[in-house]
């Protein structure tokens, strides 16, 4: 999808990703992926397990390289964007270092960037205010709840002022109430920081609640089959979850996913009939 006139945070052009080329266990993970994400946009990737959502995120993050095609992040190669710390990452597990305090965990990317001690500590305290945990600077990760740990992981990912936040099912391990709270917190934080987000999830309601657009992917080899604009007001709250438009968009995404599964079943049936 082309976003004419918008500054692009991410551009994926004709990307294919193949693992184990030339081996019997070859895996075609992604095929002909085209995607543009505008600066300041929140885009979710959704699809069945094995469709390449996380692979696509890792290509953007320079954790993998495309077999064919190109990826651009803020007008740069993913490698240069990584070296420039243009993005932060958050995963399903918070990944905090148990031997470092909460503040020291948040300071880690700033240490790697060469910030002096006073400046990075001040930034850590600022981030703790942002995620509404100002009194937990000296706590250890094991003293926090799962939701609090995820908030610290987000604070760490945003500490170096990245233009882009890449998130791979960051709330997947949380209970439903904590998950909904964290969704609201994430929207609040992103509004305050004007950060672009690419977000991987298996949850249709989560994708709709958070996103400006939902990118629907097919079963492997993964490709983008639908891009659904959500169209909800940016100031979302608990009332949003009761709105007719919210349920309509959930239905639209669900039907797009069901269409993918039906098409994949038809393709397999065609192969078996040959």
C-alpha atoms as a PDB file:
ATOM      1  CA  UNK A   1       0.000   0.000   0.000  1.00  0.00           C
ATOM      2  CA  UNK A   2       1.347   3.433  -0.946  1.00  0.00           C
ATOM      3  CA  UNK A   3       0.950   6.331   1.476  1.00  0.00           C
ATOM      4  CA  UNK A   4       1.374   9.248  -0.885  1.00  0.00           C
ATOM      5  CA  UNK A   5       2.567  12.459   0.715  1.00  0.00           C
ATOM      6  CA  UNK A   6       3.380  10.864   4.088  1.00  0.00           C
ATOM      7  CA  UNK A   7       6.889  10.584   5.506  1.00  0.00           C
ATOM      8  CA  UNK A   8       7.706   6.899   5.709  1.00  0.00           C
ATOM      9  CA  UNK A   9       9.091   5.216   8.807  1.00  0.00           C
ATOM     10  CA  UNK A  10       9.206   1.767   7.176  1.00  0.00           C
ATOM     11  CA  UNK A  11       9.156   0.686   3.543  1.00  0.00           C
ATOM     12  CA  UNK A  12       9.210  -2.977   2.496  1.00  0.00           C
ATOM     13  CA  UNK A  13       9.520  -3.613  -1.237  1.00  0.00           C
ATOM     14  CA  UNK A  14       9.120  -7.007  -2.904  1.00  0.00           C
ATOM     15  CA  UNK A  15      10.534  -8.906   0.051  1.00  0.00           C
ATOM     16  CA  UNK A  16      10.923 -12.675   0.000  1.00  0.00           C
ATOM     17  CA  UNK A  17      12.505 -14.579   2.878  1.00  0.00           C
ATOM     18  CA  UNK A  18      13.643 -18.170   2.484  1.00  0.00           C
ATOM     19  CA  UNK A  19      15.370 -20.217   5.166  1.00  0.00           C
ATOM     20  CA  UNK A  20      17.606 -23.222   4.439  1.00  0.00           C
ATOM     21  CA  UNK A  21      17.972 -22.540   0.714  1.00  0.00           C
ATOM     22  CA  UNK A  22      19.127 -25.636  -1.166  1.00  0.00           C
ATOM     23  CA  UNK A  23      18.278 -27.997   1.694  1.00  0.00           C
ATOM     24  CA  UNK A  24      15.445 -30.504   2.069  1.00  0.00           C
ATOM     25  CA  UNK A  25      14.079 -28.481   5.005  1.00  0.00           C
ATOM     26  CA  UNK A  26      13.752 -25.268   2.975  1.00  0.00           C
ATOM     27  CA  UNK A  27      11.152 -22.859   4.395  1.00  0.00           C
ATOM     28  CA  UNK A  28       9.567 -20.103   2.326  1.00  0.00           C
ATOM     29  CA  UNK A  29       8.650 -17.733   5.148  1.00  0.00           C
ATOM     30  CA  UNK A  30       7.612 -14.602   3.208  1.00  0.00           C
ATOM     31  CA  UNK A  31       6.749 -13.976  -0.423  1.00  0.00           C
ATOM     32  CA  UNK A  32       6.472 -10.640  -2.263  1.00  0.00           C
ATOM     33  CA  UNK A  33       5.722  -8.502   0.786  1.00  0.00           C
ATOM     34  CA  UNK A  34       4.963  -4.839   0.070  1.00  0.00           C
ATOM     35  CA  UNK A  35       4.295  -2.527   3.006  1.00  0.00           C
ATOM     36  CA  UNK A  36       4.660   1.129   3.888  1.00  0.00           C
ATOM     37  CA  UNK A  37       4.262   2.540   7.391  1.00  0.00           C
ATOM     38  CA  UNK A  38       3.919   6.302   7.772  1.00  0.00           C
ATOM     39  CA  UNK A  39       5.735   8.214  10.490  1.00  0.00           C
ATOM     40  CA  UNK A  40       3.575   8.369  13.613  1.00  0.00           C
ATOM     41  CA  UNK A  41       1.356   5.496  12.479  1.00  0.00           C
ATOM     42  CA  UNK A  42       0.404   2.438  14.564  1.00  0.00           C
ATOM     43  CA  UNK A  43       0.262  -0.687  12.377  1.00  0.00           C
ATOM     44  CA  UNK A  44      -0.478  -4.204  13.591  1.00  0.00           C
ATOM     45  CA  UNK A  45       0.501  -7.416  11.815  1.00  0.00           C
ATOM     46  CA  UNK A  46      -1.931 -10.289  12.313  1.00  0.00           C
ATOM     47  CA  UNK A  47      -2.252 -13.764  10.848  1.00  0.00           C
ATOM     48  CA  UNK A  48      -2.108 -17.458  11.733  1.00  0.00           C
ATOM     49  CA  UNK A  49       0.929 -18.978  13.439  1.00  0.00           C
ATOM     50  CA  UNK A  50       3.754 -19.458  10.967  1.00  0.00           C
ATOM     51  CA  UNK A  51       2.619 -16.726   8.568  1.00  0.00           C
ATOM     52  CA  UNK A  52       5.842 -14.717   8.955  1.00  0.00           C
ATOM     53  CA  UNK A  53       4.694 -11.849  11.198  1.00  0.00           C
ATOM     54  CA  UNK A  54       7.713 -12.075  13.481  1.00  0.00           C
ATOM     55  CA  UNK A  55      10.016 -12.735  10.527  1.00  0.00           C
ATOM     56  CA  UNK A  56       8.868  -9.487   8.923  1.00  0.00           C
ATOM     57  CA  UNK A  57       9.439  -7.621  12.191  1.00  0.00           C
ATOM     58  CA  UNK A  58      12.951  -9.068  12.433  1.00  0.00           C
ATOM     59  CA  UNK A  59      13.730  -7.989   8.877  1.00  0.00           C
ATOM     60  CA  UNK A  60      12.782  -4.426   9.811  1.00  0.00           C
ATOM     61  CA  UNK A  61      14.966  -4.709  12.924  1.00  0.00           C
ATOM     62  CA  UNK A  62      18.026  -6.003  11.012  1.00  0.00           C
ATOM     63  CA  UNK A  63      17.915  -9.277  12.933  1.00  0.00           C
ATOM     64  CA  UNK A  64      17.428 -11.030   9.571  1.00  0.00           C
ATOM     65  CA  UNK A  65      18.177 -10.074   5.972  1.00  0.00           C
ATOM     66  CA  UNK A  66      15.728 -10.483   3.075  1.00  0.00           C
ATOM     67  CA  UNK A  67      16.478 -13.150   0.493  1.00  0.00           C
ATOM     68  CA  UNK A  68      15.029 -10.870  -2.200  1.00  0.00           C
ATOM     69  CA  UNK A  69      13.787  -7.288  -1.986  1.00  0.00           C
ATOM     70  CA  UNK A  70      14.606  -4.282   0.172  1.00  0.00           C
ATOM     71  CA  UNK A  71      13.671  -2.867   3.572  1.00  0.00           C
ATOM     72  CA  UNK A  72      14.131   0.798   4.479  1.00  0.00           C
ATOM     73  CA  UNK A  73      13.794   2.274   7.978  1.00  0.00           C
ATOM     74  CA  UNK A  74      13.570   6.054   8.261  1.00  0.00           C
ATOM     75  CA  UNK A  75      15.134   6.323   4.818  1.00  0.00           C
ATOM     76  CA  UNK A  76      18.103   4.134   5.784  1.00  0.00           C
ATOM     77  CA  UNK A  77      19.079   0.508   5.564  1.00  0.00           C
ATOM     78  CA  UNK A  78      17.927  -1.523   8.585  1.00  0.00           C
ATOM     79  CA  UNK A  79      21.563  -1.973   9.577  1.00  0.00           C
ATOM     80  CA  UNK A  80      22.212   1.773   9.626  1.00  0.00           C
ATOM     81  CA  UNK A  81      18.935   2.381  11.490  1.00  0.00           C
ATOM     82  CA  UNK A  82      20.039  -0.179  14.082  1.00  0.00           C
ATOM     83  CA  UNK A  83      23.470   1.423  14.451  1.00  0.00           C
ATOM     84  CA  UNK A  84      21.806   4.828  14.809  1.00  0.00           C
ATOM     85  CA  UNK A  85      19.374   3.366  17.384  1.00  0.00           C
ATOM     86  CA  UNK A  86      16.418   4.611  15.359  1.00  0.00           C
ATOM     87  CA  UNK A  87      14.155   1.957  16.842  1.00  0.00           C
ATOM     88  CA  UNK A  88      13.441   0.168  20.104  1.00  0.00           C
ATOM     89  CA  UNK A  89      12.121  -3.364  20.517  1.00  0.00           C
ATOM     90  CA  UNK A  90       9.793  -5.065  23.010  1.00  0.00           C
ATOM     91  CA  UNK A  91       8.972  -8.769  23.065  1.00  0.00           C
ATOM     92  CA  UNK A  92       6.458 -11.075  24.757  1.00  0.00           C
ATOM     93  CA  UNK A  93       8.926 -11.594  27.595  1.00  0.00           C
ATOM     94  CA  UNK A  94      10.103  -8.346  29.153  1.00  0.00           C
ATOM     95  CA  UNK A  95      13.732  -9.509  29.040  1.00  0.00           C
ATOM     96  CA  UNK A  96      14.842  -7.455  32.015  1.00  0.00           C
ATOM     97  CA  UNK A  97      18.199  -8.221  33.610  1.00  0.00           C
ATOM     98  CA  UNK A  98      17.473  -9.632  37.073  1.00  0.00           C
ATOM     99  CA  UNK A  99      20.715  -8.310  38.561  1.00  0.00           C
ATOM    100  CA  UNK A 100      20.049  -4.715  37.520  1.00  0.00           C
ATOM    101  CA  UNK A 101      17.573  -2.396  39.198  1.00  0.00           C
ATOM    102  CA  UNK A 102      14.596  -1.069  37.259  1.00  0.00           C
ATOM    103  CA  UNK A 103      16.381   2.232  36.621  1.00  0.00           C
ATOM    104  CA  UNK A 104      19.565   0.449  35.539  1.00  0.00           C
ATOM    105  CA  UNK A 105      17.563  -1.690  33.113  1.00  0.00           C
ATOM    106  CA  UNK A 106      16.094   1.427  31.506  1.00  0.00           C
ATOM    107  CA  UNK A 107      19.524   3.050  31.381  1.00  0.00           C
ATOM    108  CA  UNK A 108      21.134   0.146  29.512  1.00  0.00           C
ATOM    109  CA  UNK A 109      20.619   1.407  25.917  1.00  0.00           C
ATOM    110  CA  UNK A 110      21.784   4.839  27.045  1.00  0.00           C
ATOM    111  CA  UNK A 111      24.977   3.317  28.468  1.00  0.00           C
ATOM    112  CA  UNK A 112      25.573   1.633  25.129  1.00  0.00           C
ATOM    113  CA  UNK A 113      25.027   4.981  23.430  1.00  0.00           C
ATOM    114  CA  UNK A 114      27.619   6.649  25.677  1.00  0.00           C
ATOM    115  CA  UNK A 115      25.381   8.918  27.758  1.00  0.00           C
ATOM    116  CA  UNK A 116      26.964  10.096  31.012  1.00  0.00           C
ATOM    117  CA  UNK A 117      25.678   8.682  34.295  1.00  0.00           C
ATOM    118  CA  UNK A 118      23.694  11.724  35.442  1.00  0.00           C
ATOM    119  CA  UNK A 119      21.989  12.218  32.087  1.00  0.00           C
ATOM    120  CA  UNK A 120      20.941   8.587  31.685  1.00  0.00           C
ATOM    121  CA  UNK A 121      19.645   8.376  35.272  1.00  0.00           C
ATOM    122  CA  UNK A 122      17.577  11.513  34.711  1.00  0.00           C
ATOM    123  CA  UNK A 123      16.198   9.972  31.519  1.00  0.00           C
ATOM    124  CA  UNK A 124      15.338   6.745  33.382  1.00  0.00           C
ATOM    125  CA  UNK A 125      13.368   8.714  35.970  1.00  0.00           C
ATOM    126  CA  UNK A 126      11.591  10.589  33.173  1.00  0.00           C
ATOM    127  CA  UNK A 127      10.624   7.283  31.538  1.00  0.00           C
ATOM    128  CA  UNK A 128       9.374   5.889  34.849  1.00  0.00           C
ATOM    129  CA  UNK A 129       7.078   8.895  35.121  1.00  0.00           C
ATOM    130  CA  UNK A 130       5.861   8.237  31.585  1.00  0.00           C
ATOM    131  CA  UNK A 131       4.951   4.603  32.348  1.00  0.00           C
ATOM    132  CA  UNK A 132       3.462   5.600  35.722  1.00  0.00           C
ATOM    133  CA  UNK A 133       5.966   3.730  37.901  1.00  0.00           C
ATOM    134  CA  UNK A 134       7.935   6.649  39.388  1.00  0.00           C
ATOM    135  CA  UNK A 135       8.510   4.933  42.738  1.00  0.00           C
ATOM    136  CA  UNK A 136      10.047   1.723  41.329  1.00  0.00           C
ATOM    137  CA  UNK A 137      13.475   3.010  40.227  1.00  0.00           C
ATOM    138  CA  UNK A 138      15.373   1.030  42.877  1.00  0.00           C
ATOM    139  CA  UNK A 139      13.209  -2.097  42.688  1.00  0.00           C
ATOM    140  CA  UNK A 140      14.511  -5.316  41.170  1.00  0.00           C
ATOM    141  CA  UNK A 141      12.630  -6.914  38.254  1.00  0.00           C
ATOM    142  CA  UNK A 142      11.519  -9.913  40.316  1.00  0.00           C
ATOM    143  CA  UNK A 143       9.686  -7.523  42.655  1.00  0.00           C
ATOM    144  CA  UNK A 144       7.381  -6.369  39.827  1.00  0.00           C
ATOM    145  CA  UNK A 145       4.194  -7.850  38.401  1.00  0.00           C
ATOM    146  CA  UNK A 146       4.122  -9.042  34.795  1.00  0.00           C
ATOM    147  CA  UNK A 147       2.352  -5.889  33.658  1.00  0.00           C
ATOM    148  CA  UNK A 148       4.856  -3.690  35.484  1.00  0.00           C
ATOM    149  CA  UNK A 149       7.760  -5.564  33.912  1.00  0.00           C
ATOM    150  CA  UNK A 150       6.285  -4.965  30.459  1.00  0.00           C
ATOM    151  CA  UNK A 151       5.948  -1.264  31.220  1.00  0.00           C
ATOM    152  CA  UNK A 152       9.630  -1.187  32.183  1.00  0.00           C
ATOM    153  CA  UNK A 153      10.509  -2.998  28.950  1.00  0.00           C
ATOM    154  CA  UNK A 154       8.603  -0.349  26.988  1.00  0.00           C
ATOM    155  CA  UNK A 155      10.323   2.410  28.972  1.00  0.00           C
ATOM    156  CA  UNK A 156      13.710   0.870  28.125  1.00  0.00           C
ATOM    157  CA  UNK A 157      12.761   0.558  24.444  1.00  0.00           C
ATOM    158  CA  UNK A 158      11.793   4.254  24.339  1.00  0.00           C
ATOM    159  CA  UNK A 159      14.620   5.581  26.521  1.00  0.00           C
ATOM    160  CA  UNK A 160      16.891   6.605  23.649  1.00  0.00           C
ATOM    161  CA  UNK A 161      14.104   8.561  21.880  1.00  0.00           C
ATOM    162  CA  UNK A 162      13.674   6.071  19.012  1.00  0.00           C
ATOM    163  CA  UNK A 163      11.546   7.108  16.073  1.00  0.00           C
ATOM    164  CA  UNK A 164      10.150   3.577  15.760  1.00  0.00           C
ATOM    165  CA  UNK A 165       8.983   0.934  18.227  1.00  0.00           C
ATOM    166  CA  UNK A 166       8.871  -2.717  17.120  1.00  0.00           C
ATOM    167  CA  UNK A 167       6.734  -4.961  19.341  1.00  0.00           C
ATOM    168  CA  UNK A 168       6.351  -8.745  19.083  1.00  0.00           C
ATOM    169  CA  UNK A 169       3.305  -9.864  21.107  1.00  0.00           C
ATOM    170  CA  UNK A 170       4.395  -7.839  24.155  1.00  0.00           C
ATOM    171  CA  UNK A 171       1.143  -8.478  26.060  1.00  0.00           C
ATOM    172  CA  UNK A 172       0.587 -12.088  25.043  1.00  0.00           C
ATOM    173  CA  UNK A 173       1.484 -13.540  28.440  1.00  0.00           C
ATOM    174  CA  UNK A 174      -0.698 -11.155  30.469  1.00  0.00           C
ATOM    175  CA  UNK A 175      -4.175 -11.784  31.875  1.00  0.00           C
ATOM    176  CA  UNK A 176      -7.053 -10.104  30.040  1.00  0.00           C
ATOM    177  CA  UNK A 177      -7.567  -7.194  32.443  1.00  0.00           C
ATOM    178  CA  UNK A 178      -3.849  -6.391  32.641  1.00  0.00           C
ATOM    179  CA  UNK A 179      -3.600  -6.707  28.875  1.00  0.00           C
ATOM    180  CA  UNK A 180      -6.374  -4.177  28.293  1.00  0.00           C
ATOM    181  CA  UNK A 181      -4.751  -1.808  30.781  1.00  0.00           C
ATOM    182  CA  UNK A 182      -1.398  -2.144  29.007  1.00  0.00           C
ATOM    183  CA  UNK A 183      -3.037  -1.471  25.640  1.00  0.00           C
ATOM    184  CA  UNK A 184      -4.416   1.799  26.981  1.00  0.00           C
ATOM    185  CA  UNK A 185      -1.038   2.665  28.502  1.00  0.00           C
ATOM    186  CA  UNK A 186       0.742   1.970  25.215  1.00  0.00           C
ATOM    187  CA  UNK A 187      -1.593   4.293  23.305  1.00  0.00           C
ATOM    188  CA  UNK A 188      -1.061   6.995  25.913  1.00  0.00           C
ATOM    189  CA  UNK A 189       2.732   6.626  25.729  1.00  0.00           C
ATOM    190  CA  UNK A 190       2.774   6.636  21.931  1.00  0.00           C
ATOM    191  CA  UNK A 191       0.608   9.743  21.827  1.00  0.00           C
ATOM    192  CA  UNK A 192       2.993  11.481  24.226  1.00  0.00           C
ATOM    193  CA  UNK A 193       6.137  10.461  22.304  1.00  0.00           C
ATOM    194  CA  UNK A 194       4.701  10.466  18.739  1.00  0.00           C
ATOM    195  CA  UNK A 195       6.419   7.138  18.135  1.00  0.00           C
ATOM    196  CA  UNK A 196       5.693   4.971  15.101  1.00  0.00           C
ATOM    197  CA  UNK A 197       4.756   1.396  16.078  1.00  0.00           C
ATOM    198  CA  UNK A 198       4.788  -1.911  14.205  1.00  0.00           C
ATOM    199  CA  UNK A 199       3.032  -4.420  16.453  1.00  0.00           C
ATOM    200  CA  UNK A 200       2.702  -8.211  16.069  1.00  0.00           C
ATOM    201  CA  UNK A 201      -0.335  -9.865  17.679  1.00  0.00           C
ATOM    202  CA  UNK A 202      -2.614 -12.897  17.423  1.00  0.00           C
ATOM    203  CA  UNK A 203      -5.514 -10.997  19.023  1.00  0.00           C
ATOM    204  CA  UNK A 204      -8.038  -9.411  16.662  1.00  0.00           C
ATOM    205  CA  UNK A 205      -9.574  -7.085  19.307  1.00  0.00           C
ATOM    206  CA  UNK A 206      -6.093  -5.969  20.364  1.00  0.00           C
ATOM    207  CA  UNK A 207      -5.093  -5.217  16.770  1.00  0.00           C
ATOM    208  CA  UNK A 208      -8.260  -3.199  16.150  1.00  0.00           C
ATOM    209  CA  UNK A 209      -8.120  -1.316  19.457  1.00  0.00           C
ATOM    210  CA  UNK A 210      -4.509  -0.220  19.029  1.00  0.00           C
ATOM    211  CA  UNK A 211      -4.068   0.356  15.330  1.00  0.00           C
ATOM    212  CA  UNK A 212      -4.532   2.896  12.600  1.00  0.00           C
ATOM    213  CA  UNK A 213      -4.293  -0.005  10.132  1.00  0.00           C
ATOM    214  CA  UNK A 214      -4.352  -3.790  10.532  1.00  0.00           C
ATOM    215  CA  UNK A 215      -2.192  -5.784   8.118  1.00  0.00           C
ATOM    216  CA  UNK A 216      -3.639  -9.270   7.535  1.00  0.00           C
ATOM    217  CA  UNK A 217      -1.196 -11.989   6.479  1.00  0.00           C
ATOM    218  CA  UNK A 218      -1.818 -15.372   4.878  1.00  0.00           C
ATOM    219  CA  UNK A 219      -0.647 -18.788   6.080  1.00  0.00           C
ATOM    220  CA  UNK A 220       2.943 -19.520   5.038  1.00  0.00           C
ATOM    221  CA  UNK A 221       4.549 -18.589   2.821  1.00  0.00           C
ATOM    222  CA  UNK A 222       3.418 -15.326   4.327  1.00  0.00           C
ATOM    223  CA  UNK A 223       2.103 -12.544   2.182  1.00  0.00           C
ATOM    224  CA  UNK A 224      -0.093  -9.531   2.867  1.00  0.00           C
ATOM    225  CA  UNK A 225      -3.642 -10.217   1.725  1.00  0.00           C
ATOM    226  CA  UNK A 226      -5.514  -7.260   3.265  1.00  0.00           C
ATOM    227  CA  UNK A 227      -4.718  -3.906   4.843  1.00  0.00           C
ATOM    228  CA  UNK A 228      -7.704  -2.689   6.845  1.00  0.00           C
ATOM    229  CA  UNK A 229      -7.948   0.958   7.965  1.00  0.00           C
ATOM    230  CA  UNK A 230      -9.499   1.043  11.436  1.00  0.00           C
ATOM    231  CA  UNK A 231     -10.805   4.612  11.377  1.00  0.00           C
ATOM    232  CA  UNK A 232     -11.448   4.902  15.121  1.00  0.00           C
ATOM    233  CA  UNK A 233     -10.774   8.165  16.917  1.00  0.00           C
ATOM    234  CA  UNK A 234      -7.230   8.292  18.307  1.00  0.00           C
ATOM    235  CA  UNK A 235      -8.490   9.093  21.829  1.00  0.00           C
ATOM    236  CA  UNK A 236      -9.609   5.546  22.607  1.00  0.00           C
ATOM    237  CA  UNK A 237     -10.902   4.428  25.983  1.00  0.00           C
ATOM    238  CA  UNK A 238     -13.111   1.741  27.505  1.00  0.00           C
ATOM    239  CA  UNK A 239     -16.068   3.150  25.614  1.00  0.00           C
ATOM    240  CA  UNK A 240     -14.269   2.361  22.373  1.00  0.00           C
ATOM    241  CA  UNK A 241     -14.522  -1.358  23.152  1.00  0.00           C
ATOM    242  CA  UNK A 242     -18.324  -1.047  23.232  1.00  0.00           C
ATOM    243  CA  UNK A 243     -18.651   0.969  20.026  1.00  0.00           C
ATOM    244  CA  UNK A 244     -20.395  -0.504  16.995  1.00  0.00           C
ATOM    245  CA  UNK A 245     -17.511   0.519  14.728  1.00  0.00           C
ATOM    246  CA  UNK A 246     -15.092  -1.404  16.955  1.00  0.00           C
ATOM    247  CA  UNK A 247     -17.120  -4.600  16.581  1.00  0.00           C
ATOM    248  CA  UNK A 248     -17.556  -3.992  12.860  1.00  0.00           C
ATOM    249  CA  UNK A 249     -13.799  -3.756  12.384  1.00  0.00           C
ATOM    250  CA  UNK A 250     -13.225  -6.899  14.450  1.00  0.00           C
ATOM    251  CA  UNK A 251     -15.640  -8.691  12.130  1.00  0.00           C
ATOM    252  CA  UNK A 252     -13.881  -7.306   9.052  1.00  0.00           C
ATOM    253  CA  UNK A 253     -10.476  -8.505  10.240  1.00  0.00           C
ATOM    254  CA  UNK A 254     -11.870 -11.884  11.279  1.00  0.00           C
ATOM    255  CA  UNK A 255     -13.468 -12.391   7.880  1.00  0.00           C
ATOM    256  CA  UNK A 256     -10.203 -11.466   6.153  1.00  0.00           C
ATOM    257  CA  UNK A 257      -8.392 -14.064   8.271  1.00  0.00           C
ATOM    258  CA  UNK A 258     -11.038 -16.703   7.582  1.00  0.00           C
ATOM    259  CA  UNK A 259     -10.726 -15.991   3.884  1.00  0.00           C
ATOM    260  CA  UNK A 260      -6.987 -16.690   4.139  1.00  0.00           C
ATOM    261  CA  UNK A 261      -7.592 -20.022   5.845  1.00  0.00           C
ATOM    262  CA  UNK A 262     -10.245 -21.000   3.297  1.00  0.00           C
ATOM    263  CA  UNK A 263      -7.947 -20.093   0.412  1.00  0.00           C
ATOM    264  CA  UNK A 264      -5.086 -22.085   1.938  1.00  0.00           C
ATOM    265  CA  UNK A 265      -7.398 -25.109   2.348  1.00  0.00           C
ATOM    266  CA  UNK A 266      -8.523 -24.810  -1.277  1.00  0.00           C
ATOM    267  CA  UNK A 267      -4.896 -24.689  -2.427  1.00  0.00           C
ATOM    268  CA  UNK A 268      -4.015 -27.797  -0.424  1.00  0.00           C
ATOM    269  CA  UNK A 269      -7.081 -29.608  -1.762  1.00  0.00           C
ATOM    270  CA  UNK A 270      -6.013 -28.727  -5.300  1.00  0.00           C
ATOM    271  CA  UNK A 271      -2.572 -30.180  -4.672  1.00  0.00           C
ATOM    272  CA  UNK A 272      -4.004 -33.376  -3.209  1.00  0.00           C
ATOM    273  CA  UNK A 273      -6.334 -33.800  -6.202  1.00  0.00           C
ATOM    274  CA  UNK A 274      -3.498 -33.694  -8.702  1.00  0.00           C
END
